[in-house]
């Protein structure tokens, strides 16, 4: 017999927050939310292993929002993310969760955007700061951001930040936060650096591990073995057979795109080639506004942006 799925009304949340969750379509908790929210709402440090798409943003967003004081316009919560795209997504979700609290200001601080506009925004105060480690450090060094009022520090997708070489930056940022704070660390995998971070900046953290919740019936992986001379013809036949709405092609920078694009003609697919030089705004406009599209992504430099494309497609 399957155990009943926990609901949000079993948590010590305000009536306004519960009403907002209902309006947002939040009904039952996901496994990571059910395992972590009782701990985080109680003020405990948390070391959580959960994959993207598991509902982890709400798992740290709800306790973050519940602890905010709208009357205090100092940074009360800091969320570190590996990429600008993830930071933007986290910012949007926190704003949605904070609708019941009042006039909560959430500021995003990431590279690729002019410092001046971010500085002016910080001068007017912010309750929550979401950003990438490098840009957060820039503002700390310039004195435009101060963290003495931070009550909660969140490291989202910590394993990716470590893979991208942000360990030292995370350490520098964490040391400027008050010692008496709540620290939440979320990671899809568990590399060695996670233990080092936890040992330095967390107080007796509780560990929660949730297996990826993928429906095997919704994810199908197929491999076709063909001779190299038949590869492009095979792609053309597959596009015509499956008639996909959108397609990703991951490639190395030195591969020849021109030989692949003719395969798209029978399906009249709009072709976009995303590289690391594209801004998020330009990529969003091209990808999301195209009724049909084929995207070619550089495999290594473009992985963070390809991850953003996956998030955008799911939305």
C-alpha atoms as a PDB file:
ATOM      1  CA  UNK A   1       0.000   0.000   0.000  1.00  0.00           C
ATOM      2  CA  UNK A   2       1.436   3.375  -1.036  1.00  0.00           C
ATOM      3  CA  UNK A   3       1.979   5.891   1.748  1.00  0.00           C
ATOM      4  CA  UNK A   4       0.045   9.178   1.372  1.00  0.00           C
ATOM      5  CA  UNK A   5       2.031  12.060  -0.118  1.00  0.00           C
ATOM      6  CA  UNK A   6       2.760  14.765   2.490  1.00  0.00           C
ATOM      7  CA  UNK A   7       1.020  18.088   1.947  1.00  0.00           C
ATOM      8  CA  UNK A   8       2.199  21.587   2.786  1.00  0.00           C
ATOM      9  CA  UNK A   9      -0.493  22.179   5.404  1.00  0.00           C
ATOM     10  CA  UNK A  10       1.353  19.748   7.678  1.00  0.00           C
ATOM     11  CA  UNK A  11       4.227  22.251   7.929  1.00  0.00           C
ATOM     12  CA  UNK A  12       4.509  25.248  10.289  1.00  0.00           C
ATOM     13  CA  UNK A  13       3.811  27.742   7.514  1.00  0.00           C
ATOM     14  CA  UNK A  14       1.745  30.915   7.792  1.00  0.00           C
ATOM     15  CA  UNK A  15      -1.808  30.889   6.463  1.00  0.00           C
ATOM     16  CA  UNK A  16      -0.825  33.506   3.870  1.00  0.00           C
ATOM     17  CA  UNK A  17       1.991  31.279   2.591  1.00  0.00           C
ATOM     18  CA  UNK A  18      -0.291  28.237   2.413  1.00  0.00           C
ATOM     19  CA  UNK A  19      -2.857  30.242   0.477  1.00  0.00           C
ATOM     20  CA  UNK A  20      -0.172  31.449  -1.920  1.00  0.00           C
ATOM     21  CA  UNK A  21       1.079  27.894  -2.464  1.00  0.00           C
ATOM     22  CA  UNK A  22      -2.442  26.809  -3.360  1.00  0.00           C
ATOM     23  CA  UNK A  23      -2.727  29.641  -5.879  1.00  0.00           C
ATOM     24  CA  UNK A  24       0.634  28.647  -7.381  1.00  0.00           C
ATOM     25  CA  UNK A  25      -0.557  25.065  -7.831  1.00  0.00           C
ATOM     26  CA  UNK A  26       1.578  23.544  -5.080  1.00  0.00           C
ATOM     27  CA  UNK A  27      -0.399  20.662  -3.613  1.00  0.00           C
ATOM     28  CA  UNK A  28       1.679  17.705  -2.446  1.00  0.00           C
ATOM     29  CA  UNK A  29       5.359  17.961  -1.528  1.00  0.00           C
ATOM     30  CA  UNK A  30       8.049  16.356  -3.637  1.00  0.00           C
ATOM     31  CA  UNK A  31      10.389  13.877  -1.862  1.00  0.00           C
ATOM     32  CA  UNK A  32      13.142  16.483  -1.344  1.00  0.00           C
ATOM     33  CA  UNK A  33      10.631  18.979   0.041  1.00  0.00           C
ATOM     34  CA  UNK A  34       9.093  16.445   2.397  1.00  0.00           C
ATOM     35  CA  UNK A  35      12.507  15.375   3.680  1.00  0.00           C
ATOM     36  CA  UNK A  36      14.083  18.809   4.053  1.00  0.00           C
ATOM     37  CA  UNK A  37      11.386  21.367   4.898  1.00  0.00           C
ATOM     38  CA  UNK A  38      10.722  20.201   8.491  1.00  0.00           C
ATOM     39  CA  UNK A  39      14.473  20.574   9.150  1.00  0.00           C
ATOM     40  CA  UNK A  40      15.020  23.884   7.384  1.00  0.00           C
ATOM     41  CA  UNK A  41      11.912  25.495   8.863  1.00  0.00           C
ATOM     42  CA  UNK A  42      13.260  24.493  12.280  1.00  0.00           C
ATOM     43  CA  UNK A  43      16.468  26.404  11.540  1.00  0.00           C
ATOM     44  CA  UNK A  44      18.793  23.461  11.032  1.00  0.00           C
ATOM     45  CA  UNK A  45      21.698  23.440   8.572  1.00  0.00           C
ATOM     46  CA  UNK A  46      21.103  21.051   5.699  1.00  0.00           C
ATOM     47  CA  UNK A  47      23.251  19.068   3.277  1.00  0.00           C
ATOM     48  CA  UNK A  48      20.871  17.800   0.591  1.00  0.00           C
ATOM     49  CA  UNK A  49      21.508  15.661  -2.461  1.00  0.00           C
ATOM     50  CA  UNK A  50      18.804  16.203  -5.068  1.00  0.00           C
ATOM     51  CA  UNK A  51      18.775  16.577  -8.827  1.00  0.00           C
ATOM     52  CA  UNK A  52      17.544  19.440 -10.977  1.00  0.00           C
ATOM     53  CA  UNK A  53      13.779  19.375 -11.332  1.00  0.00           C
ATOM     54  CA  UNK A  54      13.196  17.753  -7.938  1.00  0.00           C
ATOM     55  CA  UNK A  55      11.566  20.822  -6.404  1.00  0.00           C
ATOM     56  CA  UNK A  56      14.630  21.893  -4.451  1.00  0.00           C
ATOM     57  CA  UNK A  57      14.109  25.626  -5.135  1.00  0.00           C
ATOM     58  CA  UNK A  58      10.958  25.559  -3.036  1.00  0.00           C
ATOM     59  CA  UNK A  59      12.779  23.353  -0.522  1.00  0.00           C
ATOM     60  CA  UNK A  60      15.067  26.262   0.346  1.00  0.00           C
ATOM     61  CA  UNK A  61      12.831  29.083  -0.921  1.00  0.00           C
ATOM     62  CA  UNK A  62      10.023  28.505   1.570  1.00  0.00           C
ATOM     63  CA  UNK A  63      12.139  28.664   4.762  1.00  0.00           C
ATOM     64  CA  UNK A  64      14.050  31.580   3.234  1.00  0.00           C
ATOM     65  CA  UNK A  65      10.848  33.559   2.648  1.00  0.00           C
ATOM     66  CA  UNK A  66       9.341  32.643   6.023  1.00  0.00           C
ATOM     67  CA  UNK A  67      12.320  34.130   7.869  1.00  0.00           C
ATOM     68  CA  UNK A  68      12.366  37.480   6.024  1.00  0.00           C
ATOM     69  CA  UNK A  69      11.560  40.768   7.741  1.00  0.00           C
ATOM     70  CA  UNK A  70       9.969  43.051   5.111  1.00  0.00           C
ATOM     71  CA  UNK A  71      10.732  46.140   7.191  1.00  0.00           C
ATOM     72  CA  UNK A  72      14.480  45.474   7.139  1.00  0.00           C
ATOM     73  CA  UNK A  73      16.039  46.412   3.791  1.00  0.00           C
ATOM     74  CA  UNK A  74      19.368  44.695   4.383  1.00  0.00           C
ATOM     75  CA  UNK A  75      20.358  41.503   2.584  1.00  0.00           C
ATOM     76  CA  UNK A  76      18.864  38.822   4.830  1.00  0.00           C
ATOM     77  CA  UNK A  77      19.388  35.841   2.537  1.00  0.00           C
ATOM     78  CA  UNK A  78      22.063  35.003  -0.044  1.00  0.00           C
ATOM     79  CA  UNK A  79      21.726  32.296  -2.706  1.00  0.00           C
ATOM     80  CA  UNK A  80      24.813  31.314  -4.711  1.00  0.00           C
ATOM     81  CA  UNK A  81      24.268  29.644  -8.098  1.00  0.00           C
ATOM     82  CA  UNK A  82      26.735  28.357 -10.715  1.00  0.00           C
ATOM     83  CA  UNK A  83      25.229  30.162 -13.723  1.00  0.00           C
ATOM     84  CA  UNK A  84      23.310  33.300 -14.583  1.00  0.00           C
ATOM     85  CA  UNK A  85      20.489  31.243 -16.064  1.00  0.00           C
ATOM     86  CA  UNK A  86      19.944  29.283 -12.853  1.00  0.00           C
ATOM     87  CA  UNK A  87      20.175  32.490 -10.786  1.00  0.00           C
ATOM     88  CA  UNK A  88      17.437  34.071 -12.917  1.00  0.00           C
ATOM     89  CA  UNK A  89      15.231  31.023 -12.453  1.00  0.00           C
ATOM     90  CA  UNK A  90      15.785  30.975  -8.671  1.00  0.00           C
ATOM     91  CA  UNK A  91      15.015  34.698  -8.473  1.00  0.00           C
ATOM     92  CA  UNK A  92      11.718  34.242 -10.280  1.00  0.00           C
ATOM     93  CA  UNK A  93      10.681  31.357  -8.040  1.00  0.00           C
ATOM     94  CA  UNK A  94      11.555  33.208  -4.814  1.00  0.00           C
ATOM     95  CA  UNK A  95       9.488  36.177  -5.978  1.00  0.00           C
ATOM     96  CA  UNK A  96       6.543  33.858  -6.578  1.00  0.00           C
ATOM     97  CA  UNK A  97       6.914  32.261  -3.149  1.00  0.00           C
ATOM     98  CA  UNK A  98       7.254  35.682  -1.479  1.00  0.00           C
ATOM     99  CA  UNK A  99       4.021  37.117  -2.850  1.00  0.00           C
ATOM    100  CA  UNK A 100       2.245  36.415   0.434  1.00  0.00           C
ATOM    101  CA  UNK A 101       4.885  38.090   2.596  1.00  0.00           C
ATOM    102  CA  UNK A 102       4.724  41.655   1.332  1.00  0.00           C
ATOM    103  CA  UNK A 103       7.006  44.002  -0.537  1.00  0.00           C
ATOM    104  CA  UNK A 104      10.011  41.690  -0.810  1.00  0.00           C
ATOM    105  CA  UNK A 105      12.834  42.797  -3.092  1.00  0.00           C
ATOM    106  CA  UNK A 106      15.001  40.128  -4.719  1.00  0.00           C
ATOM    107  CA  UNK A 107      18.124  41.236  -6.597  1.00  0.00           C
ATOM    108  CA  UNK A 108      20.085  39.132  -9.090  1.00  0.00           C
ATOM    109  CA  UNK A 109      23.850  39.734  -9.297  1.00  0.00           C
ATOM    110  CA  UNK A 110      25.530  37.895 -12.180  1.00  0.00           C
ATOM    111  CA  UNK A 111      28.192  38.523 -14.763  1.00  0.00           C
ATOM    112  CA  UNK A 112      27.311  39.611 -18.286  1.00  0.00           C
ATOM    113  CA  UNK A 113      25.274  42.535 -16.922  1.00  0.00           C
ATOM    114  CA  UNK A 114      26.545  46.054 -16.251  1.00  0.00           C
ATOM    115  CA  UNK A 115      27.713  46.606 -12.672  1.00  0.00           C
ATOM    116  CA  UNK A 116      26.225  50.085 -12.481  1.00  0.00           C
ATOM    117  CA  UNK A 117      22.617  48.951 -12.730  1.00  0.00           C
ATOM    118  CA  UNK A 118      23.174  46.288 -10.093  1.00  0.00           C
ATOM    119  CA  UNK A 119      24.880  48.798  -7.800  1.00  0.00           C
ATOM    120  CA  UNK A 120      21.981  51.255  -8.085  1.00  0.00           C
ATOM    121  CA  UNK A 121      19.550  48.469  -7.276  1.00  0.00           C
ATOM    122  CA  UNK A 122      21.529  47.521  -4.171  1.00  0.00           C
ATOM    123  CA  UNK A 123      21.607  51.157  -3.012  1.00  0.00           C
ATOM    124  CA  UNK A 124      17.821  51.025  -2.635  1.00  0.00           C
ATOM    125  CA  UNK A 125      18.075  47.917  -0.458  1.00  0.00           C
ATOM    126  CA  UNK A 126      17.287  44.260  -1.032  1.00  0.00           C
ATOM    127  CA  UNK A 127      15.940  41.491   1.156  1.00  0.00           C
ATOM    128  CA  UNK A 128      17.332  38.605  -0.913  1.00  0.00           C
ATOM    129  CA  UNK A 129      20.417  38.468  -3.129  1.00  0.00           C
ATOM    130  CA  UNK A 130      20.801  35.720  -5.742  1.00  0.00           C
ATOM    131  CA  UNK A 131      23.920  35.501  -7.871  1.00  0.00           C
ATOM    132  CA  UNK A 132      27.062  33.814  -9.060  1.00  0.00           C
ATOM    133  CA  UNK A 133      30.119  33.719  -6.766  1.00  0.00           C
ATOM    134  CA  UNK A 134      32.338  35.854  -9.000  1.00  0.00           C
ATOM    135  CA  UNK A 135      29.930  38.758  -9.343  1.00  0.00           C
ATOM    136  CA  UNK A 136      28.968  38.601  -5.661  1.00  0.00           C
ATOM    137  CA  UNK A 137      32.677  38.967  -4.836  1.00  0.00           C
ATOM    138  CA  UNK A 138      32.959  41.945  -7.200  1.00  0.00           C
ATOM    139  CA  UNK A 139      30.255  43.790  -5.274  1.00  0.00           C
ATOM    140  CA  UNK A 140      31.733  42.840  -1.898  1.00  0.00           C
ATOM    141  CA  UNK A 141      35.139  44.171  -2.926  1.00  0.00           C
ATOM    142  CA  UNK A 142      33.591  47.406  -4.241  1.00  0.00           C
ATOM    143  CA  UNK A 143      31.592  47.862  -1.041  1.00  0.00           C
ATOM    144  CA  UNK A 144      28.247  47.934  -2.863  1.00  0.00           C
ATOM    145  CA  UNK A 145      27.104  44.750  -1.096  1.00  0.00           C
ATOM    146  CA  UNK A 146      27.275  43.993   2.619  1.00  0.00           C
ATOM    147  CA  UNK A 147      26.336  40.679   4.176  1.00  0.00           C
ATOM    148  CA  UNK A 148      26.303  41.456   7.897  1.00  0.00           C
ATOM    149  CA  UNK A 149      22.513  40.966   7.992  1.00  0.00           C
ATOM    150  CA  UNK A 150      22.440  37.581   6.244  1.00  0.00           C
ATOM    151  CA  UNK A 151      20.473  34.979   8.187  1.00  0.00           C
ATOM    152  CA  UNK A 152      20.484  32.254   5.531  1.00  0.00           C
ATOM    153  CA  UNK A 153      23.162  31.204   3.029  1.00  0.00           C
ATOM    154  CA  UNK A 154      22.138  28.804   0.247  1.00  0.00           C
ATOM    155  CA  UNK A 155      24.550  27.012  -2.071  1.00  0.00           C
ATOM    156  CA  UNK A 156      22.448  25.777  -4.979  1.00  0.00           C
ATOM    157  CA  UNK A 157      23.938  23.110  -7.261  1.00  0.00           C
ATOM    158  CA  UNK A 158      27.139  23.225  -5.233  1.00  0.00           C
ATOM    159  CA  UNK A 159      28.727  20.388  -7.184  1.00  0.00           C
ATOM    160  CA  UNK A 160      28.532  22.398 -10.399  1.00  0.00           C
ATOM    161  CA  UNK A 161      30.072  25.431  -8.700  1.00  0.00           C
ATOM    162  CA  UNK A 162      32.963  23.251  -7.572  1.00  0.00           C
ATOM    163  CA  UNK A 163      33.350  21.812 -11.087  1.00  0.00           C
ATOM    164  CA  UNK A 164      33.550  25.364 -12.429  1.00  0.00           C
ATOM    165  CA  UNK A 165      36.345  26.274  -9.993  1.00  0.00           C
ATOM    166  CA  UNK A 166      34.346  28.441  -7.581  1.00  0.00           C
ATOM    167  CA  UNK A 167      35.560  26.805  -4.349  1.00  0.00           C
ATOM    168  CA  UNK A 168      37.805  29.705  -3.301  1.00  0.00           C
ATOM    169  CA  UNK A 169      35.169  32.286  -4.235  1.00  0.00           C
ATOM    170  CA  UNK A 170      32.539  30.460  -2.179  1.00  0.00           C
ATOM    171  CA  UNK A 171      34.905  30.413   0.791  1.00  0.00           C
ATOM    172  CA  UNK A 172      35.548  34.166   0.506  1.00  0.00           C
ATOM    173  CA  UNK A 173      31.832  34.956   0.289  1.00  0.00           C
ATOM    174  CA  UNK A 174      30.860  32.658   3.169  1.00  0.00           C
ATOM    175  CA  UNK A 175      33.475  34.220   5.452  1.00  0.00           C
ATOM    176  CA  UNK A 176      31.793  37.601   5.047  1.00  0.00           C
ATOM    177  CA  UNK A 177      28.443  36.242   6.263  1.00  0.00           C
ATOM    178  CA  UNK A 178      27.652  36.207   9.999  1.00  0.00           C
ATOM    179  CA  UNK A 179      28.708  33.065  11.821  1.00  0.00           C
ATOM    180  CA  UNK A 180      25.252  32.704  13.394  1.00  0.00           C
ATOM    181  CA  UNK A 181      23.330  31.905  10.250  1.00  0.00           C
ATOM    182  CA  UNK A 182      21.559  28.970   8.654  1.00  0.00           C
ATOM    183  CA  UNK A 183      23.409  27.313   5.771  1.00  0.00           C
ATOM    184  CA  UNK A 184      21.718  25.092   3.194  1.00  0.00           C
ATOM    185  CA  UNK A 185      23.709  23.191   0.574  1.00  0.00           C
ATOM    186  CA  UNK A 186      22.040  21.448  -2.369  1.00  0.00           C
ATOM    187  CA  UNK A 187      23.980  19.227  -4.750  1.00  0.00           C
ATOM    188  CA  UNK A 188      23.051  16.656  -7.393  1.00  0.00           C
ATOM    189  CA  UNK A 189      26.237  14.666  -6.778  1.00  0.00           C
ATOM    190  CA  UNK A 190      28.575  14.336  -3.819  1.00  0.00           C
ATOM    191  CA  UNK A 191      32.160  15.222  -4.817  1.00  0.00           C
ATOM    192  CA  UNK A 192      34.980  15.518  -2.297  1.00  0.00           C
ATOM    193  CA  UNK A 193      34.766  19.302  -2.141  1.00  0.00           C
ATOM    194  CA  UNK A 194      31.265  19.145  -0.669  1.00  0.00           C
ATOM    195  CA  UNK A 195      32.634  17.666   2.553  1.00  0.00           C
ATOM    196  CA  UNK A 196      35.259  20.418   2.723  1.00  0.00           C
ATOM    197  CA  UNK A 197      32.606  23.121   2.369  1.00  0.00           C
ATOM    198  CA  UNK A 198      30.360  21.498   4.960  1.00  0.00           C
ATOM    199  CA  UNK A 199      33.211  21.116   7.437  1.00  0.00           C
ATOM    200  CA  UNK A 200      34.188  24.785   7.152  1.00  0.00           C
ATOM    201  CA  UNK A 201      30.848  26.579   7.114  1.00  0.00           C
ATOM    202  CA  UNK A 202      28.049  24.362   8.412  1.00  0.00           C
ATOM    203  CA  UNK A 203      26.972  23.612  11.960  1.00  0.00           C
ATOM    204  CA  UNK A 204      26.082  19.969  12.515  1.00  0.00           C
ATOM    205  CA  UNK A 205      24.224  19.718   9.212  1.00  0.00           C
ATOM    206  CA  UNK A 206      21.538  17.141   8.640  1.00  0.00           C
ATOM    207  CA  UNK A 207      22.065  15.076   5.498  1.00  0.00           C
ATOM    208  CA  UNK A 208      19.189  14.301   3.162  1.00  0.00           C
ATOM    209  CA  UNK A 209      19.560  12.219   0.004  1.00  0.00           C
ATOM    210  CA  UNK A 210      16.776  11.795  -2.521  1.00  0.00           C
ATOM    211  CA  UNK A 211      17.109   9.628  -5.587  1.00  0.00           C
ATOM    212  CA  UNK A 212      16.260  11.174  -8.944  1.00  0.00           C
ATOM    213  CA  UNK A 213      12.557  10.761  -9.599  1.00  0.00           C
ATOM    214  CA  UNK A 214      12.460  10.060 -13.339  1.00  0.00           C
ATOM    215  CA  UNK A 215       9.568   8.333 -15.037  1.00  0.00           C
ATOM    216  CA  UNK A 216      11.137   5.729 -17.300  1.00  0.00           C
ATOM    217  CA  UNK A 217       8.058   5.845 -19.507  1.00  0.00           C
ATOM    218  CA  UNK A 218       8.657   9.513 -20.302  1.00  0.00           C
ATOM    219  CA  UNK A 219      12.374   9.280 -21.099  1.00  0.00           C
ATOM    220  CA  UNK A 220      13.405   7.195 -24.048  1.00  0.00           C
ATOM    221  CA  UNK A 221      17.011   6.783 -25.152  1.00  0.00           C
ATOM    222  CA  UNK A 222      17.772   5.265 -28.544  1.00  0.00           C
ATOM    223  CA  UNK A 223      21.130   4.573 -30.150  1.00  0.00           C
ATOM    224  CA  UNK A 224      21.539   3.901 -33.888  1.00  0.00           C
ATOM    225  CA  UNK A 225      24.776   2.475 -35.242  1.00  0.00           C
ATOM    226  CA  UNK A 226      25.456   3.643 -38.803  1.00  0.00           C
ATOM    227  CA  UNK A 227      28.500   4.091 -41.001  1.00  0.00           C
ATOM    228  CA  UNK A 228      29.927   7.590 -40.990  1.00  0.00           C
ATOM    229  CA  UNK A 229      29.074   7.964 -44.684  1.00  0.00           C
ATOM    230  CA  UNK A 230      25.395   7.275 -43.874  1.00  0.00           C
ATOM    231  CA  UNK A 231      25.187   9.436 -40.754  1.00  0.00           C
ATOM    232  CA  UNK A 232      23.598  12.543 -42.290  1.00  0.00           C
ATOM    233  CA  UNK A 233      21.136  10.516 -44.327  1.00  0.00           C
ATOM    234  CA  UNK A 234      20.149   8.652 -41.159  1.00  0.00           C
ATOM    235  CA  UNK A 235      19.559  11.948 -39.353  1.00  0.00           C
ATOM    236  CA  UNK A 236      17.328  13.138 -42.173  1.00  0.00           C
ATOM    237  CA  UNK A 237      15.286   9.922 -42.063  1.00  0.00           C
ATOM    238  CA  UNK A 238      14.910  10.119 -38.278  1.00  0.00           C
ATOM    239  CA  UNK A 239      13.737  13.750 -38.390  1.00  0.00           C
ATOM    240  CA  UNK A 240      11.182  12.836 -41.011  1.00  0.00           C
ATOM    241  CA  UNK A 241      10.034   9.780 -39.045  1.00  0.00           C
ATOM    242  CA  UNK A 242       9.723  11.295 -35.550  1.00  0.00           C
ATOM    243  CA  UNK A 243       8.782  14.811 -36.765  1.00  0.00           C
ATOM    244  CA  UNK A 244      10.080  16.504 -33.580  1.00  0.00           C
ATOM    245  CA  UNK A 245       8.974  19.939 -32.438  1.00  0.00           C
ATOM    246  CA  UNK A 246      12.447  20.926 -31.240  1.00  0.00           C
ATOM    247  CA  UNK A 247      15.824  19.257 -31.574  1.00  0.00           C
ATOM    248  CA  UNK A 248      19.189  19.705 -29.885  1.00  0.00           C
ATOM    249  CA  UNK A 249      22.389  18.746 -31.579  1.00  0.00           C
ATOM    250  CA  UNK A 250      25.471  18.782 -29.351  1.00  0.00           C
ATOM    251  CA  UNK A 251      28.732  19.182 -31.207  1.00  0.00           C
ATOM    252  CA  UNK A 252      32.370  20.044 -30.717  1.00  0.00           C
ATOM    253  CA  UNK A 253      33.488  23.515 -31.846  1.00  0.00           C
ATOM    254  CA  UNK A 254      35.515  22.194 -34.804  1.00  0.00           C
ATOM    255  CA  UNK A 255      32.717  20.092 -36.290  1.00  0.00           C
ATOM    256  CA  UNK A 256      31.171  21.168 -39.575  1.00  0.00           C
ATOM    257  CA  UNK A 257      27.646  22.493 -39.114  1.00  0.00           C
ATOM    258  CA  UNK A 258      27.069  23.221 -42.787  1.00  0.00           C
ATOM    259  CA  UNK A 259      26.924  19.517 -43.662  1.00  0.00           C
ATOM    260  CA  UNK A 260      24.231  18.908 -41.036  1.00  0.00           C
ATOM    261  CA  UNK A 261      21.816  21.756 -41.716  1.00  0.00           C
ATOM    262  CA  UNK A 262      20.414  20.325 -45.007  1.00  0.00           C
ATOM    263  CA  UNK A 263      18.831  17.559 -42.921  1.00  0.00           C
ATOM    264  CA  UNK A 264      16.509  20.186 -41.444  1.00  0.00           C
ATOM    265  CA  UNK A 265      15.046  21.373 -44.742  1.00  0.00           C
ATOM    266  CA  UNK A 266      12.386  18.668 -45.192  1.00  0.00           C
ATOM    267  CA  UNK A 267      10.905  19.625 -41.807  1.00  0.00           C
ATOM    268  CA  UNK A 268      11.285  23.404 -42.365  1.00  0.00           C
ATOM    269  CA  UNK A 269      12.920  23.671 -38.953  1.00  0.00           C
ATOM    270  CA  UNK A 270      14.297  27.049 -37.951  1.00  0.00           C
ATOM    271  CA  UNK A 271      18.010  26.711 -37.300  1.00  0.00           C
ATOM    272  CA  UNK A 272      19.854  28.396 -34.416  1.00  0.00           C
ATOM    273  CA  UNK A 273      23.477  27.914 -33.465  1.00  0.00           C
ATOM    274  CA  UNK A 274      24.013  28.834 -29.816  1.00  0.00           C
ATOM    275  CA  UNK A 275      27.516  29.613 -28.614  1.00  0.00           C
ATOM    276  CA  UNK A 276      28.928  31.019 -25.395  1.00  0.00           C
ATOM    277  CA  UNK A 277      28.966  34.526 -26.940  1.00  0.00           C
ATOM    278  CA  UNK A 278      25.165  34.639 -27.041  1.00  0.00           C
ATOM    279  CA  UNK A 279      23.448  36.656 -24.327  1.00  0.00           C
ATOM    280  CA  UNK A 280      20.594  35.025 -22.417  1.00  0.00           C
ATOM    281  CA  UNK A 281      18.187  37.614 -23.818  1.00  0.00           C
ATOM    282  CA  UNK A 282      19.073  36.868 -27.444  1.00  0.00           C
ATOM    283  CA  UNK A 283      19.002  33.107 -26.931  1.00  0.00           C
ATOM    284  CA  UNK A 284      15.662  33.310 -25.128  1.00  0.00           C
ATOM    285  CA  UNK A 285      14.091  35.318 -27.946  1.00  0.00           C
ATOM    286  CA  UNK A 286      15.307  32.952 -30.655  1.00  0.00           C
ATOM    287  CA  UNK A 287      14.652  29.664 -28.861  1.00  0.00           C
ATOM    288  CA  UNK A 288      11.326  30.323 -27.159  1.00  0.00           C
ATOM    289  CA  UNK A 289       9.681  32.311 -29.964  1.00  0.00           C
ATOM    290  CA  UNK A 290      10.404  29.788 -32.720  1.00  0.00           C
ATOM    291  CA  UNK A 291       7.490  27.434 -33.458  1.00  0.00           C
ATOM    292  CA  UNK A 292       9.993  24.782 -34.528  1.00  0.00           C
ATOM    293  CA  UNK A 293      13.710  24.832 -33.980  1.00  0.00           C
ATOM    294  CA  UNK A 294      16.957  22.942 -34.261  1.00  0.00           C
ATOM    295  CA  UNK A 295      19.618  24.097 -31.836  1.00  0.00           C
ATOM    296  CA  UNK A 296      23.283  23.303 -32.302  1.00  0.00           C
ATOM    297  CA  UNK A 297      25.279  23.725 -29.088  1.00  0.00           C
ATOM    298  CA  UNK A 298      29.006  23.661 -28.567  1.00  0.00           C
ATOM    299  CA  UNK A 299      29.393  20.663 -26.308  1.00  0.00           C
ATOM    300  CA  UNK A 300      31.882  21.900 -23.710  1.00  0.00           C
ATOM    301  CA  UNK A 301      31.726  25.720 -23.554  1.00  0.00           C
ATOM    302  CA  UNK A 302      27.970  25.726 -24.067  1.00  0.00           C
ATOM    303  CA  UNK A 303      26.940  23.251 -21.384  1.00  0.00           C
ATOM    304  CA  UNK A 304      25.617  25.883 -18.897  1.00  0.00           C
ATOM    305  CA  UNK A 305      23.575  27.503 -21.662  1.00  0.00           C
ATOM    306  CA  UNK A 306      22.340  24.131 -22.882  1.00  0.00           C
ATOM    307  CA  UNK A 307      21.170  23.522 -19.321  1.00  0.00           C
ATOM    308  CA  UNK A 308      19.256  26.801 -19.500  1.00  0.00           C
ATOM    309  CA  UNK A 309      17.676  25.656 -22.773  1.00  0.00           C
ATOM    310  CA  UNK A 310      16.436  22.500 -21.059  1.00  0.00           C
ATOM    311  CA  UNK A 311      14.882  24.579 -18.271  1.00  0.00           C
ATOM    312  CA  UNK A 312      13.250  26.910 -20.794  1.00  0.00           C
ATOM    313  CA  UNK A 313      11.897  23.998 -22.802  1.00  0.00           C
ATOM    314  CA  UNK A 314      10.364  22.416 -19.686  1.00  0.00           C
ATOM    315  CA  UNK A 315       8.602  25.696 -18.880  1.00  0.00           C
END
